[in-house]
Protein backbone atom coordinates (compact mmCIF):
# COMPACT_ATOMS: atom_id res chain seq x y z
CA UNK A 1 -3.73 -20.92 11.26
CA UNK A 2 -6.98 -19.56 9.82
CA UNK A 3 -5.77 -19.25 6.00
CA UNK A 4 -9.10 -16.63 5.61
CA UNK A 5 -12.26 -15.30 6.17
CA UNK A 6 -15.26 -15.59 3.72
CA UNK A 7 -18.39 -13.75 5.59
CA UNK A 8 -20.51 -10.66 6.33
CA UNK A 9 -18.17 -7.12 6.60
CA UNK A 10 -19.98 -6.27 9.50
CA UNK A 11 -17.50 -2.77 10.06
CA UNK A 12 -14.48 -1.23 9.39
CA UNK A 13 -13.32 1.92 11.18
CA UNK A 14 -9.65 4.31 11.15
CA UNK A 15 -8.44 4.90 14.61
CA UNK A 16 -5.52 6.20 16.02
CA UNK A 17 -3.88 2.93 16.36
CA UNK A 18 -4.72 1.83 12.45
CA UNK A 19 -7.08 0.49 10.26
CA UNK A 20 -9.39 -2.46 11.24
CA UNK A 21 -12.99 -4.55 9.93
CA UNK A 22 -14.88 -6.74 11.51
CA UNK A 23 -15.71 -9.70 9.44
CA UNK A 24 -19.05 -12.20 10.44
CA UNK A 25 -18.72 -15.75 9.66
CA UNK A 26 -21.00 -17.93 10.89
CA UNK A 27 -22.12 -16.03 13.78
CA UNK A 28 -18.99 -15.01 15.23
CA UNK A 29 -17.25 -11.32 14.48
CA UNK A 30 -13.31 -11.37 13.75
CA UNK A 31 -11.74 -8.47 14.26
CA UNK A 32 -9.24 -8.09 11.04
CA UNK A 33 -6.68 -5.07 11.33
CA UNK A 34 -5.41 -4.01 7.89
CA UNK A 35 -3.41 -1.38 5.98
CA UNK A 36 -5.40 1.92 4.32
CA UNK A 37 -5.10 -0.12 1.17
CA UNK A 38 -6.33 -2.51 1.71
CA UNK A 39 -9.43 -0.56 3.72
CA UNK A 40 -9.76 1.76 0.34
CA UNK A 41 -10.51 -1.49 -1.47
CA UNK A 42 -12.83 -3.04 0.81
CA UNK A 43 -17.01 -3.23 -0.11
CA UNK A 44 -19.62 -1.62 2.13
CA UNK A 45 -20.81 -2.97 5.13
CA UNK A 46 -23.25 -5.66 4.86
CA UNK A 47 -21.40 -7.04 1.91
CA UNK A 48 -19.86 -10.20 1.54
CA UNK A 49 -15.79 -10.10 1.35
CA UNK A 50 -12.91 -12.68 1.79
CA UNK A 51 -10.01 -11.31 3.18
CA UNK A 52 -6.68 -13.40 3.77
CA UNK A 53 -5.18 -13.81 7.13
CA UNK A 54 -2.15 -13.86 9.43
CA UNK A 55 -2.59 -14.86 13.12
CA UNK A 56 0.16 -12.64 15.10
CA UNK A 57 0.92 -14.34 18.30
CA UNK A 58 1.86 -11.42 21.68
CA UNK A 59 2.24 -11.39 24.65
CA UNK A 60 -1.06 -9.88 25.78
CA UNK A 61 -3.08 -10.95 22.24
CA UNK A 62 -3.56 -13.20 19.81
CA UNK A 63 -3.99 -10.56 16.62
CA UNK A 64 -5.37 -11.03 12.78
CA UNK A 65 -4.15 -8.67 10.10
CA UNK A 66 -5.67 -9.14 6.74
CA UNK A 67 -5.25 -8.88 3.18
CA UNK A 68 -6.52 -8.62 -0.27
CA UNK A 69 -4.42 -11.38 -1.84
CA UNK A 70 -2.62 -14.61 -0.31
CA UNK A 71 0.40 -13.31 -2.19
CA UNK A 72 0.60 -10.12 0.40
CA UNK A 73 0.24 -12.48 3.17
CA UNK A 74 3.14 -14.19 2.34
CA UNK A 75 4.91 -11.15 1.79
CA UNK A 76 3.65 -10.07 5.35
CA UNK A 77 5.42 -12.65 6.95
CA UNK A 78 8.57 -12.78 4.80
CA UNK A 79 9.03 -8.88 5.76
CA UNK A 80 8.02 -9.72 9.59
CA UNK A 81 11.51 -11.12 9.51
CA UNK A 82 13.40 -8.40 8.76
CA UNK A 83 15.07 -7.13 12.90
CA UNK A 84 13.26 -3.61 13.23
CA UNK A 85 9.97 -4.58 10.94
CA UNK A 86 7.19 -5.62 13.15
CA UNK A 87 3.32 -6.06 12.25
CA UNK A 88 2.63 -2.21 12.09
CA UNK A 89 5.31 -1.53 9.84
CA UNK A 90 4.68 -4.46 7.36
CA UNK A 91 1.50 -3.56 6.83
CA UNK A 92 2.53 0.39 5.66
CA UNK A 93 5.26 -1.42 3.79
CA UNK A 94 1.98 -3.52 1.95
CA UNK A 95 0.76 -0.10 1.08
CA UNK A 96 3.24 0.06 -1.89
CA UNK A 97 2.39 -2.32 -4.56
CA UNK A 98 3.46 -6.08 -4.09
CA UNK A 99 5.73 -5.77 -7.64
CA UNK A 100 7.16 -2.50 -6.49
CA UNK A 101 8.53 -3.76 -2.97
CA UNK A 102 10.02 -6.85 -4.43
CA UNK A 103 11.68 -4.95 -7.30
CA UNK A 104 13.44 -2.25 -4.87
CA UNK A 105 14.52 -5.31 -2.47
CA UNK A 106 15.74 -7.00 -5.70
CA UNK A 107 17.46 -3.63 -7.43
CA UNK A 108 18.44 -2.55 -3.99
CA UNK A 109 16.35 0.41 -4.24
CA UNK A 110 15.65 2.24 -1.26
CA UNK A 111 14.56 4.83 -2.19
CA UNK A 112 11.23 2.78 -3.25
CA UNK A 113 11.10 1.57 0.69
CA UNK A 114 11.72 5.23 2.07
CA UNK A 115 8.52 6.37 0.94
CA UNK A 116 6.88 4.52 3.72
CA UNK A 117 6.54 6.63 6.85
CA UNK A 118 9.05 5.68 9.40
CA UNK A 119 11.07 3.61 7.14
CA UNK A 120 15.05 5.45 7.14
CA UNK A 121 17.38 4.47 4.97
CA UNK A 122 19.04 2.48 7.34
CA UNK A 123 16.21 0.45 8.00
CA UNK A 124 15.71 0.24 4.36
CA UNK A 125 19.41 -1.11 4.06
CA UNK A 126 18.65 -3.87 6.39
CA UNK A 127 15.57 -4.83 4.88
CA UNK A 128 16.92 -5.08 1.46
CA UNK A 129 20.68 -7.00 2.79
CA UNK A 130 17.82 -8.89 5.07
CA UNK A 131 15.62 -10.20 2.19
CA UNK A 132 17.35 -10.23 -0.67
CA UNK A 133 17.43 -13.79 -1.22
CA UNK A 134 14.10 -14.45 0.70
CA UNK A 135 12.36 -11.74 -2.09
CA UNK A 136 13.82 -13.51 -4.94
CA UNK A 137 12.68 -17.57 -3.49
CA UNK A 138 9.34 -15.23 -3.15
CA UNK A 139 9.52 -13.87 -6.63
CA UNK A 140 9.65 -17.66 -8.31
CA UNK A 141 7.08 -19.24 -5.57
CA UNK A 142 4.48 -16.51 -6.43
CA UNK A 143 5.21 -16.29 -9.98
CA UNK A 144 5.72 -12.43 -9.93
CA UNK A 145 6.59 -10.41 -13.00
CA UNK A 146 8.80 -8.60 -11.69
CA UNK A 147 10.80 -6.08 -13.73
CA UNK A 148 13.98 -4.47 -11.94
CA UNK A 149 14.05 -0.73 -10.65
CA UNK A 150 16.29 1.28 -12.51
CA UNK A 151 16.02 4.30 -10.30
CA UNK A 152 18.69 7.28 -10.89
CA UNK A 153 19.73 9.90 -8.84
CA UNK A 154 17.80 12.86 -9.95
CA UNK A 155 18.75 16.84 -10.13
CA UNK A 156 16.45 18.18 -8.02
CA UNK A 157 17.57 21.74 -8.53
CA UNK A 158 15.75 20.97 -11.61
CA UNK A 159 12.60 20.70 -9.59
CA UNK A 160 12.13 23.79 -8.46
CA UNK A 161 13.92 26.41 -6.19
CA UNK A 162 12.75 24.80 -2.96
CA UNK A 163 13.90 21.68 -4.26
CA UNK A 164 17.63 23.15 -4.52
CA UNK A 165 17.27 25.50 -1.75
CA UNK A 166 17.13 22.19 0.48
CA UNK A 167 19.43 19.96 -1.64
CA UNK A 168 21.85 22.87 -0.58
CA UNK A 169 21.09 23.01 2.90
CA UNK A 170 21.30 18.91 3.33
CA UNK A 171 24.75 19.04 1.65
CA UNK A 172 25.96 21.86 4.49
CA UNK A 173 24.80 19.09 7.13
CA UNK A 174 27.15 16.89 5.85
CA UNK A 175 24.85 13.68 4.59
CA UNK A 176 25.96 11.89 1.95
CA UNK A 177 24.73 12.09 -1.60
CA UNK A 178 22.66 8.63 -1.35
CA UNK A 179 21.06 9.78 1.96
CA UNK A 180 20.17 13.06 0.43
CA UNK A 181 18.28 11.51 -2.92
CA UNK A 182 16.48 9.05 -0.90
CA UNK A 183 15.36 11.96 1.54
CA UNK A 184 14.52 13.89 -1.28
CA UNK A 185 12.49 11.41 -3.22
CA UNK A 186 10.53 10.83 -0.25
CA UNK A 187 9.61 14.94 -0.10
CA UNK A 188 8.87 14.42 -3.65
CA UNK A 189 5.97 12.68 -3.24
CA UNK A 190 4.76 13.79 0.38
CA UNK A 191 5.09 17.73 -0.25
CA UNK A 192 2.28 19.67 -1.30
CA UNK A 193 3.44 22.97 -2.60
CA UNK A 194 7.51 21.86 -4.33
CA UNK A 195 8.71 25.44 -3.40
CA UNK A 196 8.71 25.29 -0.20
CA UNK A 197 12.12 24.45 1.11
CA UNK A 198 11.15 24.28 4.75
CA UNK A 199 8.34 21.78 4.27
CA UNK A 200 10.39 19.89 2.14
CA UNK A 201 13.12 19.98 4.41
CA UNK A 202 11.25 18.51 7.45
CA UNK A 203 9.77 15.34 5.56
CA UNK A 204 13.45 14.94 3.96
CA UNK A 205 14.94 14.90 7.35
CA UNK A 206 12.07 12.86 8.83
CA UNK A 207 13.11 10.39 6.33
CA UNK A 208 16.90 10.22 6.54
CA UNK A 209 16.44 10.17 9.75
CA UNK A 210 14.00 7.05 10.53
CA UNK A 211 11.52 8.97 12.04
């Protein structure tokens, strides 16, 4: 296993498939896939960089994924043990602060996990169910100082008329209170106009349906 790469940052690009960088070590260029959080934290081209890596074996390729810390790499490996969570989804989840991920799983707070595009309530529940014991062990192993989440359901009618109307529409469609709470929590983060009922509904429904 390649534990980390320490060398010169040759290039960094964001493509339709994700963000990737090339690190040159002893005249060899290593292509590494990273998430946007890691990408934004990298130094300038031609500067020295140290990236912790995990090697993914696929039928037709071997892919290096890169992280800012060994802790993130370990969490990435644990996340991929969940059915339905592959390399790309695990990288996206790690755009959240590591402590928030661990805290959300331990506290069974689906709303935090559902902030990630493509992670809906069903997958968030599965992730929490399958990872709770592993995350507790990881928390102790990495000596993370994690405070359990104390998330409360919000009265979205108090935010804006748009959220009030969206909440009413979701209720009329037969969604449960938990599903509505998860969807609107994600919409609160994503939408630009908190009075745009249609935009709020589109974001909330996308999360509820797992899109």
